[in-house]
Protein backbone atom coordinates (compact mmCIF):
# COMPACT_ATOMS: atom_id res chain seq x y z
CA MET A 1 8.47 -38.21 1.96
CA ARG A 2 11.77 -36.34 1.60
CA ILE A 3 11.04 -35.73 -2.08
CA ILE A 4 7.65 -34.20 -1.23
CA SER A 5 9.19 -32.00 1.48
CA ALA A 6 11.92 -30.80 -0.89
CA TYR A 7 9.34 -30.04 -3.57
CA PHE A 8 7.24 -28.06 -1.10
CA ILE A 9 10.24 -25.96 -0.02
CA ILE A 10 11.15 -25.22 -3.65
CA LEU A 11 7.54 -24.28 -4.39
CA VAL A 12 7.35 -21.88 -1.44
CA LEU A 13 10.64 -20.24 -2.39
CA ALA A 14 9.48 -19.87 -5.98
CA VAL A 15 6.23 -18.25 -4.92
CA PHE A 16 8.06 -15.89 -2.58
CA THR A 17 10.53 -14.89 -5.31
CA PHE A 18 7.77 -14.35 -7.86
CA ALA A 19 5.70 -12.37 -5.39
CA GLN A 20 8.50 -9.88 -4.84
CA ASN A 21 8.65 -9.01 -8.54
CA GLU A 22 5.99 -6.28 -8.48
CA GLN A 23 8.11 -3.20 -7.89
CA ALA A 24 6.89 -0.07 -9.65
CA PRO A 25 7.91 3.60 -9.63
CA VAL A 26 5.93 6.50 -8.26
CA THR A 27 3.95 7.71 -11.27
CA GLU A 28 1.64 10.68 -11.74
CA LYS A 29 -1.79 9.63 -13.04
CA GLN A 30 -4.87 11.53 -14.12
CA PHE A 31 -8.03 10.13 -12.51
CA GLU A 32 -10.57 11.05 -9.84
CA TYR A 33 -9.48 9.92 -6.41
CA LYS A 34 -12.51 10.25 -4.17
CA ASP A 35 -12.95 10.90 -0.48
CA TRP A 36 -13.92 7.96 1.71
CA SER A 37 -14.92 7.05 5.24
CA TYR A 38 -14.02 3.51 6.35
CA LYS A 39 -14.33 1.64 9.63
CA ASN A 40 -11.23 1.46 11.79
CA ILE A 41 -9.84 -2.05 12.16
CA SER A 42 -9.48 -1.39 15.88
CA GLY A 43 -13.29 -1.38 16.03
CA GLU A 44 -13.51 2.18 17.32
CA GLY A 45 -15.51 4.33 14.90
CA GLU A 46 -14.39 5.26 11.41
CA THR A 47 -11.89 7.53 9.67
CA ASN A 48 -12.71 10.12 7.01
CA LEU A 49 -9.83 10.65 4.62
CA ARG A 50 -10.37 14.37 4.02
CA LYS A 51 -10.33 15.04 7.76
CA PHE A 52 -7.30 12.76 8.17
CA THR A 53 -5.27 14.82 5.68
CA ALA A 54 -5.77 18.07 7.59
CA GLY A 55 -2.51 19.58 8.81
CA LYS A 56 -0.30 17.05 6.99
CA LYS A 57 2.30 17.72 4.29
CA LEU A 58 1.97 14.35 2.56
CA VAL A 59 -0.41 11.44 3.03
CA MET A 60 0.48 7.94 1.88
CA ILE A 61 -2.47 5.57 1.57
CA VAL A 62 -1.45 1.94 1.26
CA TYR A 63 -3.99 -0.70 0.29
CA TRP A 64 -3.02 -4.15 1.57
CA ALA A 65 -4.34 -7.65 2.15
CA PRO A 66 -3.18 -9.91 5.02
CA TRP A 67 -2.62 -12.91 2.76
CA CYS A 68 -0.61 -11.05 0.09
CA PRO A 69 3.12 -11.96 0.07
CA ASN A 70 3.88 -8.86 -2.00
CA TRP A 71 2.57 -6.63 0.78
CA ARG A 72 4.59 -8.58 3.33
CA HIS A 73 7.66 -7.67 1.31
CA ASP A 74 6.88 -3.95 1.90
CA VAL A 75 5.33 -3.96 5.37
CA ALA A 76 8.48 -3.38 7.43
CA PHE A 77 9.64 -0.58 5.12
CA VAL A 78 6.27 1.19 5.32
CA GLN A 79 6.39 1.02 9.13
CA GLN A 80 9.91 2.48 9.01
CA LEU A 81 8.74 5.36 6.81
CA HIS A 82 5.96 6.10 9.30
CA GLU A 83 8.36 6.12 12.23
CA LYS A 84 11.02 8.15 10.42
CA TYR A 85 8.95 10.89 8.78
CA ALA A 86 5.80 11.40 10.86
CA LYS A 87 7.52 14.30 12.62
CA ASP A 88 8.19 15.92 9.24
CA GLY A 89 4.55 15.82 8.11
CA LEU A 90 4.13 12.38 6.55
CA ALA A 91 0.94 10.54 7.47
CA VAL A 92 0.58 6.87 6.57
CA ILE A 93 -2.79 5.16 6.63
CA GLY A 94 -3.53 1.57 5.62
CA VAL A 95 -6.67 0.34 3.90
CA ALA A 96 -7.06 -3.41 4.36
CA GLU A 97 -8.90 -5.48 1.78
CA TYR A 98 -10.39 -8.90 1.05
CA ASP A 99 -10.06 -10.82 4.32
CA PRO A 100 -11.96 -11.08 7.61
CA VAL A 101 -11.35 -8.29 10.12
CA ASP A 102 -9.90 -10.73 12.66
CA SER A 103 -7.24 -11.67 10.11
CA MET A 104 -6.47 -7.96 9.59
CA LYS A 105 -6.09 -7.47 13.34
CA ARG A 106 -3.71 -10.42 13.67
CA HIS A 107 -1.64 -9.07 10.81
CA ILE A 108 -1.36 -5.62 12.44
CA ASP A 109 -0.43 -7.16 15.78
CA PHE A 110 2.13 -9.52 14.27
CA TYR A 111 3.98 -6.78 12.39
CA LYS A 112 3.51 -4.26 15.20
CA LEU A 113 2.07 -1.62 12.88
CA THR A 114 1.59 1.72 14.61
CA PHE A 115 0.11 3.75 11.76
CA PRO A 116 -3.72 3.82 11.57
CA ASN A 117 -5.54 1.18 9.54
CA VAL A 118 -9.10 0.99 8.24
CA TYR A 119 -10.82 -1.58 6.05
CA GLU A 120 -13.02 -1.41 2.98
CA ALA A 121 -13.81 -5.00 1.93
CA ASP A 122 -13.71 -7.98 4.29
CA ASN A 123 -14.03 -10.79 1.73
CA ARG A 124 -12.61 -11.58 -1.70
CA ALA A 125 -15.98 -11.67 -3.42
CA GLN A 126 -16.07 -7.88 -3.14
CA ARG A 127 -12.95 -7.36 -5.25
CA GLU A 128 -14.57 -5.96 -8.41
CA LYS A 129 -17.11 -3.95 -6.39
CA SER A 130 -14.52 -2.13 -4.27
CA ASP A 131 -13.32 1.45 -4.60
CA HIS A 132 -9.83 -0.05 -4.48
CA PHE A 133 -10.51 -1.98 -7.69
CA GLU A 134 -12.07 1.01 -9.46
CA GLY A 135 -9.25 3.33 -8.43
CA ARG A 136 -6.54 0.92 -9.56
CA LYS A 137 -8.24 0.38 -12.89
CA ALA A 138 -8.44 4.14 -13.45
CA ALA A 139 -4.74 4.44 -12.54
CA GLY A 140 -3.72 1.81 -15.10
CA ASP A 141 -2.97 -1.01 -12.65
CA THR A 142 -3.55 -4.27 -14.54
CA ARG A 143 -2.91 -6.64 -11.62
CA ARG A 144 -5.76 -8.90 -10.54
CA TRP A 145 -5.65 -8.23 -6.79
CA GLY A 146 -3.43 -5.18 -6.68
CA THR A 147 -1.88 -5.19 -3.24
CA PRO A 148 0.04 -3.35 -2.19
CA TRP A 149 -1.24 -0.24 -3.98
CA TYR A 150 -0.11 3.23 -2.93
CA VAL A 151 -1.74 6.63 -3.35
CA PHE A 152 0.05 9.83 -2.36
CA LEU A 153 -1.95 12.97 -1.57
CA GLU A 154 -0.64 16.47 -0.99
CA PRO A 155 -3.24 18.05 1.31
CA GLU A 156 -2.57 21.63 0.24
CA LYS A 157 -3.43 20.68 -3.36
CA LEU A 158 -6.68 18.82 -2.63
CA GLU A 159 -10.08 19.98 -3.81
CA GLN A 160 -11.66 21.89 -0.94
CA LYS A 161 -15.23 20.68 -1.51
CA GLY A 162 -17.07 17.76 -3.03
CA LYS A 163 -16.51 14.03 -3.20
CA THR A 164 -13.40 14.21 -5.37
CA LEU A 165 -10.17 14.91 -3.50
CA ALA A 166 -7.81 15.11 -6.46
CA THR A 167 -7.69 14.51 -10.22
CA THR A 168 -3.89 14.37 -10.50
CA VAL A 169 -2.51 11.70 -8.18
CA ASN A 170 0.85 10.03 -7.60
CA VAL A 171 0.47 6.26 -7.32
CA VAL A 172 2.58 3.12 -7.11
CA ASN A 173 0.99 0.18 -8.93
CA GLY A 174 3.01 -2.42 -7.06
CA GLU A 175 5.69 -2.69 -4.42
CA LEU A 176 7.79 0.34 -3.54
CA ILE A 177 11.22 0.82 -5.05
CA LYS A 178 12.70 1.75 -1.71
CA ASP A 179 15.32 4.35 -2.62
CA GLU A 180 13.10 6.02 -5.20
CA ALA A 181 10.03 6.06 -2.95
CA GLU A 182 11.90 7.46 0.03
CA THR A 183 13.51 10.18 -2.09
CA PHE A 184 10.06 11.09 -3.47
CA ILE A 185 8.72 11.36 0.07
CA ARG A 186 11.65 13.47 1.21
CA GLU A 187 11.14 15.79 -1.75
CA LYS A 188 7.47 16.30 -0.99
CA LEU A 189 8.30 16.96 2.67
CA GLY A 190 10.86 19.57 1.65
CA LEU A 191 13.81 17.50 2.86
CA VAL A 192 15.54 17.02 -0.52
CA LYS A 193 15.72 18.80 -3.87
CA LYS A 194 13.63 17.59 -6.81
CA ALA A 195 16.75 17.03 -8.94
CA ASP A 196 17.97 14.41 -6.46
CA ASN A 197 14.67 12.59 -6.75
CA GLU A 198 14.86 12.42 -10.55
CA GLN A 199 18.22 10.64 -10.30
CA ALA A 200 16.71 8.00 -8.02
CA ARG A 201 13.81 7.04 -10.30
CA SER A 202 13.83 3.65 -12.04
CA LYS A 203 11.33 1.26 -13.61
CA ALA A 204 10.32 -2.31 -12.77
CA GLY A 205 7.84 -4.85 -14.08
CA ILE A 206 4.47 -5.62 -12.55
CA GLU A 207 3.28 -9.09 -11.74
CA ALA A 208 0.07 -10.31 -10.16
CA CYS A 209 -0.31 -10.80 -6.41
CA ASP A 210 -2.84 -13.60 -6.46
CA PRO A 211 -3.84 -15.50 -3.30
CA GLU A 212 -4.43 -18.61 -5.40
CA SER A 213 -0.73 -18.62 -6.33
CA GLY A 214 0.16 -19.86 -2.85
CA ARG A 215 0.17 -18.87 0.81
CA LEU A 216 3.18 -18.06 2.93
CA ALA A 217 3.65 -18.16 6.66
CA LEU A 218 3.87 -14.79 8.34
CA GLN A 219 7.39 -13.44 8.47
CA LYS A 220 8.56 -10.99 11.07
CA PRO A 221 10.11 -7.77 9.75
CA ALA A 222 13.84 -7.25 10.11
CA ASN A 223 14.97 -5.34 13.17
């Protein structure tokens, strides 16, 4: 019994370590990022992205799944960015994927997320039919499930009409590199010089965030 318990602990730790090895830099990509309107997880109406961007300096869209340990590695940091920079013009919005809405709600409540969240797909069978999948593929993301995935939009540079919002988009095909991502955000908000951001950039490998690789218990973010 002790041997089985020890093996289980080692397995969980291995999965957690592997899952955190998805960090990727903010990279400019050429592809069509299209406008969308998704239902709010709260159950109250829906949010249109073009309207959401109005009056903002920078919009960070983060695609996440409740079961994904890689997203759980980023969740507290994303909440901190929202709290720290909303007053400076940053708007964070989450797009939940591939799980029932009740699971999404529990996840939001558990991590005390205060930025708005919508959902696109509420089951895993929709993966290859989702806009999330198509967008990631166009942006060169080779991961199977691809959460978290980040898209940064600068509202003043968006197309004014039509379905396409932008054809040049900054994305993160993996977890955020914290220092680099925050410096990028500060630059776009006019809080830091571009030269400082270039010094902070680094590269990291990309691994798959696959729900079949193992499940982890929810972990509360650090205070």
